[in-house]
Amino acid sequence: GDCQGMPSDLQGVTGTAASGSPTKPAAPSSPGSRVQPVASPPAALRMAQNLTKACPPPKVKDASGNCIVATTPALMTFYMYRSQDDKDYPLENVNMADLPGAMWYLHREVVATVPRKFHI
C-alpha cells in the first residue's frame, strides 16, 4: 500500500514486535500466517527515526541527523503566551507561559471565578 510519501523501503514495515524488533507482514499467499520479526529495520526507517529523535542536551543534530556538540549558538524558536483582556499592553514586566501553563491558568484561575479574574 501507499505509505503517504514515505520511501519505498518503509513499505511493508507495520510495527514493532513485543521484543522491540520491527515486524513485517507475512506473504499474502500464506493464510493464517503470523507477523514475523525482521532482522533489522530498513536503512530508510533507521534514517527517519534518527531525524525525528531528539538529541540529549547540550548536543544538536547536524545535517545528516547525527547528534554532535554544538560549535556555535543554536537558533531556537519557542512560543510564549499571555492571558489578558481585550486591551493592548506593552510586553514589559508581564507574566508569560507556555501553552499548557496558560491553559492551566485560564482553567484554574480565570474561568473558576465570577466575574472572571482581571476581566479576561
N, C-alpha and C. Protein backbone atom coordinates (compact mmCIF):
# COMPACT_ATOMS: atom_id res chain seq x y z
N GLY A 1 0.82 -1.20 0.00
CA GLY A 1 0.00 0.00 0.00
C GLY A 1 0.85 1.24 0.00
N ASP A 2 0.22 2.36 -0.22
CA ASP A 2 0.92 3.64 -0.23
C ASP A 2 1.18 4.09 1.19
N CYS A 3 2.39 4.46 1.50
CA CYS A 3 2.76 4.89 2.85
C CYS A 3 2.78 6.41 2.95
N GLN A 4 1.96 7.10 2.19
CA GLN A 4 1.81 8.54 2.23
C GLN A 4 3.15 9.25 2.11
N GLY A 5 3.84 9.02 1.02
CA GLY A 5 5.06 9.75 0.75
C GLY A 5 6.30 9.19 1.39
N MET A 6 6.21 8.08 2.11
CA MET A 6 7.39 7.51 2.75
C MET A 6 8.21 6.79 1.68
N PRO A 7 9.50 6.68 1.85
CA PRO A 7 10.32 5.96 0.88
C PRO A 7 9.85 4.52 0.74
N SER A 8 10.06 3.94 -0.44
CA SER A 8 9.55 2.59 -0.70
C SER A 8 10.18 1.56 0.23
N ASP A 9 11.35 1.83 0.81
CA ASP A 9 11.97 0.88 1.75
C ASP A 9 11.09 0.70 2.99
N LEU A 10 10.24 1.70 3.30
CA LEU A 10 9.44 1.64 4.51
C LEU A 10 8.14 0.89 4.28
N GLN A 11 7.74 0.66 3.06
CA GLN A 11 6.50 -0.03 2.81
C GLN A 11 6.62 -1.46 3.30
N GLY A 12 5.58 -1.92 3.97
CA GLY A 12 5.59 -3.28 4.50
C GLY A 12 5.99 -3.36 5.95
N VAL A 13 6.67 -2.36 6.51
CA VAL A 13 7.01 -2.37 7.92
C VAL A 13 5.77 -1.90 8.66
N THR A 14 5.24 -2.74 9.54
CA THR A 14 3.94 -2.44 10.12
C THR A 14 3.96 -2.21 11.62
N GLY A 15 5.04 -2.33 12.28
CA GLY A 15 5.02 -2.10 13.72
C GLY A 15 6.23 -2.66 14.41
N THR A 16 6.08 -2.94 15.69
CA THR A 16 7.18 -3.45 16.50
C THR A 16 6.71 -4.67 17.25
N ALA A 17 7.51 -5.70 17.24
CA ALA A 17 7.19 -6.92 17.98
C ALA A 17 7.37 -6.68 19.46
N ALA A 18 6.85 -7.59 20.30
CA ALA A 18 6.99 -7.44 21.75
C ALA A 18 8.44 -7.36 22.15
N SER A 19 9.33 -7.96 21.36
CA SER A 19 10.75 -7.93 21.70
C SER A 19 11.38 -6.59 21.38
N GLY A 20 10.63 -5.71 20.69
CA GLY A 20 11.19 -4.41 20.32
C GLY A 20 11.74 -4.39 18.92
N SER A 21 11.79 -5.53 18.24
CA SER A 21 12.30 -5.53 16.87
C SER A 21 11.16 -5.27 15.91
N PRO A 22 11.44 -4.59 14.79
CA PRO A 22 10.39 -4.26 13.84
C PRO A 22 9.78 -5.53 13.25
N THR A 23 8.53 -5.41 12.82
CA THR A 23 7.84 -6.54 12.25
C THR A 23 7.48 -6.28 10.81
N LYS A 24 7.28 -7.35 10.06
CA LYS A 24 6.94 -7.26 8.65
C LYS A 24 5.78 -8.22 8.40
N PRO A 25 4.78 -7.83 7.59
CA PRO A 25 3.67 -8.74 7.36
C PRO A 25 4.14 -9.98 6.61
N ALA A 26 3.48 -11.11 6.88
CA ALA A 26 3.79 -12.34 6.17
C ALA A 26 3.30 -12.23 4.74
N ALA A 27 3.77 -13.11 3.90
CA ALA A 27 3.37 -13.10 2.49
C ALA A 27 1.86 -13.28 2.39
N PRO A 28 1.20 -12.50 1.49
CA PRO A 28 -0.25 -12.57 1.40
C PRO A 28 -0.76 -13.94 0.98
N SER A 29 0.07 -14.79 0.36
CA SER A 29 -0.39 -16.09 -0.12
C SER A 29 -0.45 -17.14 0.98
N SER A 30 0.02 -16.81 2.19
CA SER A 30 0.01 -17.80 3.26
C SER A 30 -1.09 -17.46 4.26
N PRO A 31 -2.30 -18.06 4.15
CA PRO A 31 -3.39 -17.72 5.05
C PRO A 31 -3.08 -18.15 6.48
N GLY A 32 -3.47 -17.30 7.40
CA GLY A 32 -3.30 -17.60 8.82
C GLY A 32 -1.89 -17.45 9.33
N SER A 33 -0.95 -16.98 8.51
CA SER A 33 0.42 -16.83 9.00
C SER A 33 0.53 -15.62 9.91
N ARG A 34 1.47 -15.67 10.80
CA ARG A 34 1.66 -14.60 11.78
C ARG A 34 2.69 -13.60 11.29
N VAL A 35 2.73 -12.45 11.97
CA VAL A 35 3.71 -11.41 11.65
C VAL A 35 5.06 -11.87 12.16
N GLN A 36 6.08 -11.78 11.33
CA GLN A 36 7.41 -12.26 11.66
C GLN A 36 8.36 -11.08 11.88
N PRO A 37 9.26 -11.13 12.90
CA PRO A 37 10.22 -10.06 13.09
C PRO A 37 11.25 -10.05 11.95
N VAL A 38 11.73 -8.86 11.64
CA VAL A 38 12.75 -8.67 10.63
C VAL A 38 14.08 -8.51 11.36
N ALA A 39 15.17 -8.89 10.72
CA ALA A 39 16.49 -8.82 11.37
C ALA A 39 16.81 -7.40 11.82
N SER A 40 16.64 -6.40 10.97
CA SER A 40 16.88 -5.01 11.34
C SER A 40 16.01 -4.13 10.46
N PRO A 41 15.68 -2.92 10.93
CA PRO A 41 14.82 -2.05 10.12
C PRO A 41 15.54 -1.63 8.85
N PRO A 42 14.78 -1.33 7.78
CA PRO A 42 15.40 -0.83 6.55
C PRO A 42 16.17 0.45 6.82
N ALA A 43 17.16 0.70 5.99
CA ALA A 43 18.01 1.89 6.17
C ALA A 43 17.19 3.16 6.19
N ALA A 44 16.17 3.27 5.34
CA ALA A 44 15.35 4.48 5.29
C ALA A 44 14.60 4.69 6.60
N LEU A 45 14.13 3.60 7.23
CA LEU A 45 13.44 3.72 8.50
C LEU A 45 14.40 4.14 9.60
N ARG A 46 15.60 3.55 9.62
CA ARG A 46 16.60 3.96 10.62
C ARG A 46 16.92 5.43 10.47
N MET A 47 17.05 5.92 9.23
CA MET A 47 17.37 7.32 8.99
C MET A 47 16.21 8.21 9.45
N ALA A 48 14.96 7.81 9.15
CA ALA A 48 13.79 8.59 9.57
C ALA A 48 13.70 8.65 11.09
N GLN A 49 13.97 7.53 11.78
CA GLN A 49 13.94 7.52 13.23
C GLN A 49 15.04 8.41 13.80
N ASN A 50 16.21 8.42 13.17
CA ASN A 50 17.32 9.24 13.63
C ASN A 50 17.00 10.72 13.49
N LEU A 51 16.30 11.11 12.42
CA LEU A 51 15.99 12.52 12.20
C LEU A 51 14.91 13.02 13.14
N THR A 52 14.01 12.16 13.60
CA THR A 52 12.93 12.61 14.48
C THR A 52 13.29 12.48 15.96
N LYS A 53 14.30 11.73 16.30
CA LYS A 53 14.69 11.55 17.70
C LYS A 53 15.46 12.79 18.18
N ALA A 54 15.14 13.28 19.35
CA ALA A 54 15.80 14.45 19.90
C ALA A 54 17.18 14.08 20.45
N CYS A 55 18.09 15.02 20.40
CA CYS A 55 19.43 14.83 20.96
C CYS A 55 19.41 15.23 22.44
N PRO A 56 20.17 14.53 23.28
CA PRO A 56 20.26 14.96 24.68
C PRO A 56 21.06 16.25 24.78
N PRO A 57 20.67 17.15 25.68
CA PRO A 57 21.42 18.40 25.83
C PRO A 57 22.85 18.11 26.23
N PRO A 58 23.83 18.83 25.84
CA PRO A 58 23.85 20.03 25.02
C PRO A 58 24.08 19.73 23.54
N LYS A 59 23.79 18.53 23.08
CA LYS A 59 24.05 18.18 21.69
C LYS A 59 22.91 18.65 20.78
N VAL A 60 23.25 18.83 19.48
CA VAL A 60 22.29 19.23 18.46
C VAL A 60 22.47 18.32 17.25
N LYS A 61 21.50 18.31 16.35
CA LYS A 61 21.59 17.50 15.14
C LYS A 61 22.37 18.23 14.06
N ASP A 62 23.22 17.46 13.34
CA ASP A 62 23.89 18.03 12.18
C ASP A 62 23.02 17.77 10.95
N ALA A 63 23.50 18.10 9.75
CA ALA A 63 22.71 17.98 8.53
C ALA A 63 22.28 16.55 8.25
N SER A 64 23.06 15.56 8.69
CA SER A 64 22.70 14.17 8.43
C SER A 64 21.89 13.55 9.57
N GLY A 65 21.58 14.33 10.61
CA GLY A 65 20.75 13.84 11.70
C GLY A 65 21.51 13.24 12.86
N ASN A 66 22.84 13.32 12.85
CA ASN A 66 23.65 12.79 13.95
C ASN A 66 23.75 13.82 15.07
N CYS A 67 23.77 13.37 16.31
CA CYS A 67 23.91 14.27 17.46
C CYS A 67 25.38 14.63 17.64
N ILE A 68 25.65 15.92 17.64
CA ILE A 68 27.01 16.42 17.84
C ILE A 68 26.98 17.56 18.85
N VAL A 69 28.12 17.90 19.42
CA VAL A 69 28.22 19.05 20.31
C VAL A 69 28.20 20.30 19.45
N ALA A 70 27.36 21.25 19.80
CA ALA A 70 27.23 22.49 19.02
C ALA A 70 28.52 23.30 19.08
N THR A 71 28.92 23.80 17.94
CA THR A 71 30.13 24.64 17.87
C THR A 71 29.77 26.11 17.86
N THR A 72 28.51 26.43 17.59
CA THR A 72 28.01 27.81 17.60
C THR A 72 26.68 27.81 18.33
N PRO A 73 26.21 28.97 18.75
CA PRO A 73 24.89 29.01 19.38
C PRO A 73 23.82 28.50 18.41
N ALA A 74 22.90 27.72 18.91
CA ALA A 74 21.83 27.16 18.08
C ALA A 74 20.65 28.12 18.05
N LEU A 75 20.07 28.31 16.86
CA LEU A 75 18.87 29.11 16.71
C LEU A 75 17.69 28.32 17.26
N MET A 76 16.93 28.94 18.15
CA MET A 76 15.79 28.26 18.75
C MET A 76 14.54 29.10 18.54
N THR A 77 13.42 28.44 18.35
CA THR A 77 12.12 29.10 18.26
C THR A 77 11.24 28.53 19.35
N PHE A 78 10.62 29.41 20.10
CA PHE A 78 9.67 28.95 21.10
C PHE A 78 8.56 29.97 21.20
N TYR A 79 7.42 29.55 21.70
CA TYR A 79 6.25 30.40 21.78
C TYR A 79 5.92 30.68 23.23
N MET A 80 5.53 31.93 23.48
CA MET A 80 5.13 32.34 24.82
C MET A 80 3.72 32.92 24.73
N TYR A 81 2.93 32.68 25.76
CA TYR A 81 1.55 33.11 25.76
C TYR A 81 1.27 33.95 27.00
N ARG A 82 0.25 34.81 26.88
CA ARG A 82 -0.18 35.63 27.99
C ARG A 82 -1.69 35.70 27.98
N SER A 83 -2.30 35.53 29.13
CA SER A 83 -3.76 35.66 29.26
C SER A 83 -4.06 37.10 29.64
N GLN A 84 -4.91 37.77 28.84
CA GLN A 84 -5.23 39.17 29.12
C GLN A 84 -6.61 39.50 28.57
N ASP A 85 -7.12 40.68 28.94
CA ASP A 85 -8.41 41.10 28.41
C ASP A 85 -8.23 41.69 27.01
N ASP A 86 -9.21 42.45 26.53
CA ASP A 86 -9.17 42.98 25.16
C ASP A 86 -8.21 44.14 24.96
N LYS A 87 -7.71 44.71 26.04
CA LYS A 87 -6.79 45.85 25.92
C LYS A 87 -5.42 45.40 25.46
N ASP A 88 -4.69 46.29 24.80
CA ASP A 88 -3.31 46.01 24.39
C ASP A 88 -2.36 46.60 25.42
N TYR A 89 -1.45 45.79 25.87
CA TYR A 89 -0.46 46.21 26.85
C TYR A 89 0.93 46.04 26.25
N PRO A 90 1.89 46.88 26.65
CA PRO A 90 3.26 46.65 26.17
C PRO A 90 3.82 45.37 26.79
N LEU A 91 4.70 44.71 26.07
CA LEU A 91 5.31 43.47 26.57
C LEU A 91 6.48 43.78 27.49
N GLU A 92 6.17 44.43 28.60
CA GLU A 92 7.17 44.75 29.61
C GLU A 92 6.64 44.29 30.96
N ASN A 93 7.46 43.58 31.70
CA ASN A 93 7.11 43.14 33.05
C ASN A 93 5.77 42.42 33.09
N VAL A 94 5.56 41.46 32.20
CA VAL A 94 4.32 40.69 32.18
C VAL A 94 4.64 39.22 32.42
N ASN A 95 3.68 38.52 32.97
CA ASN A 95 3.83 37.09 33.19
C ASN A 95 3.52 36.35 31.90
N MET A 96 4.44 35.51 31.46
CA MET A 96 4.26 34.73 30.25
C MET A 96 4.26 33.26 30.63
N ALA A 97 3.74 32.42 29.70
CA ALA A 97 3.67 30.99 29.98
C ALA A 97 3.78 30.22 28.69
N ASP A 98 4.09 28.92 28.82
CA ASP A 98 3.96 28.04 27.65
C ASP A 98 2.47 27.73 27.51
N LEU A 99 2.07 27.07 26.43
CA LEU A 99 0.65 26.84 26.19
C LEU A 99 -0.03 26.03 27.29
N PRO A 100 0.57 24.92 27.76
CA PRO A 100 -0.10 24.20 28.85
C PRO A 100 -0.25 25.05 30.12
N GLY A 101 0.74 25.88 30.40
CA GLY A 101 0.67 26.74 31.58
C GLY A 101 -0.42 27.79 31.46
N ALA A 102 -0.57 28.39 30.27
CA ALA A 102 -1.62 29.39 30.05
C ALA A 102 -2.99 28.74 30.15
N MET A 103 -3.14 27.53 29.60
CA MET A 103 -4.42 26.84 29.68
C MET A 103 -4.75 26.46 31.12
N TRP A 104 -3.75 26.04 31.88
CA TRP A 104 -3.96 25.72 33.28
C TRP A 104 -4.43 26.97 34.03
N TYR A 105 -3.77 28.10 33.79
CA TYR A 105 -4.14 29.35 34.46
C TYR A 105 -5.58 29.74 34.12
N LEU A 106 -5.94 29.67 32.84
CA LEU A 106 -7.30 30.01 32.45
C LEU A 106 -8.32 29.08 33.12
N HIS A 107 -8.02 27.81 33.16
CA HIS A 107 -8.95 26.83 33.74
C HIS A 107 -9.07 26.98 35.25
N ARG A 108 -7.96 27.15 35.94
CA ARG A 108 -7.97 27.16 37.41
C ARG A 108 -8.23 28.53 38.01
N GLU A 109 -7.75 29.58 37.38
CA GLU A 109 -7.82 30.90 37.99
C GLU A 109 -8.87 31.82 37.37
N VAL A 110 -9.07 31.74 36.07
CA VAL A 110 -9.92 32.71 35.39
C VAL A 110 -11.36 32.23 35.28
N VAL A 111 -11.58 31.09 34.68
CA VAL A 111 -12.94 30.60 34.43
C VAL A 111 -13.63 30.20 35.73
N ALA A 112 -12.88 29.88 36.75
CA ALA A 112 -13.46 29.41 38.01
C ALA A 112 -14.06 30.54 38.84
N THR A 113 -13.86 31.80 38.46
CA THR A 113 -14.38 32.91 39.26
C THR A 113 -15.41 33.71 38.47
N VAL A 114 -16.36 34.30 39.21
CA VAL A 114 -17.36 35.18 38.60
C VAL A 114 -17.35 36.47 39.39
N PRO A 115 -17.13 37.62 38.77
CA PRO A 115 -16.74 37.80 37.38
C PRO A 115 -15.34 37.24 37.15
N ARG A 116 -15.03 37.01 35.91
CA ARG A 116 -13.73 36.41 35.59
C ARG A 116 -12.58 37.30 36.07
N LYS A 117 -11.54 36.65 36.53
CA LYS A 117 -10.38 37.33 37.09
C LYS A 117 -9.77 38.28 36.07
N PHE A 118 -9.52 39.51 36.45
CA PHE A 118 -8.92 40.56 35.62
C PHE A 118 -9.71 40.78 34.33
N HIS A 119 -10.98 40.43 34.32
CA HIS A 119 -11.89 40.62 33.17
C HIS A 119 -11.37 39.91 31.92
N ILE A 120 -10.73 38.78 32.11
CA ILE A 120 -10.20 38.02 30.96
C ILE A 120 -11.34 37.25 30.33
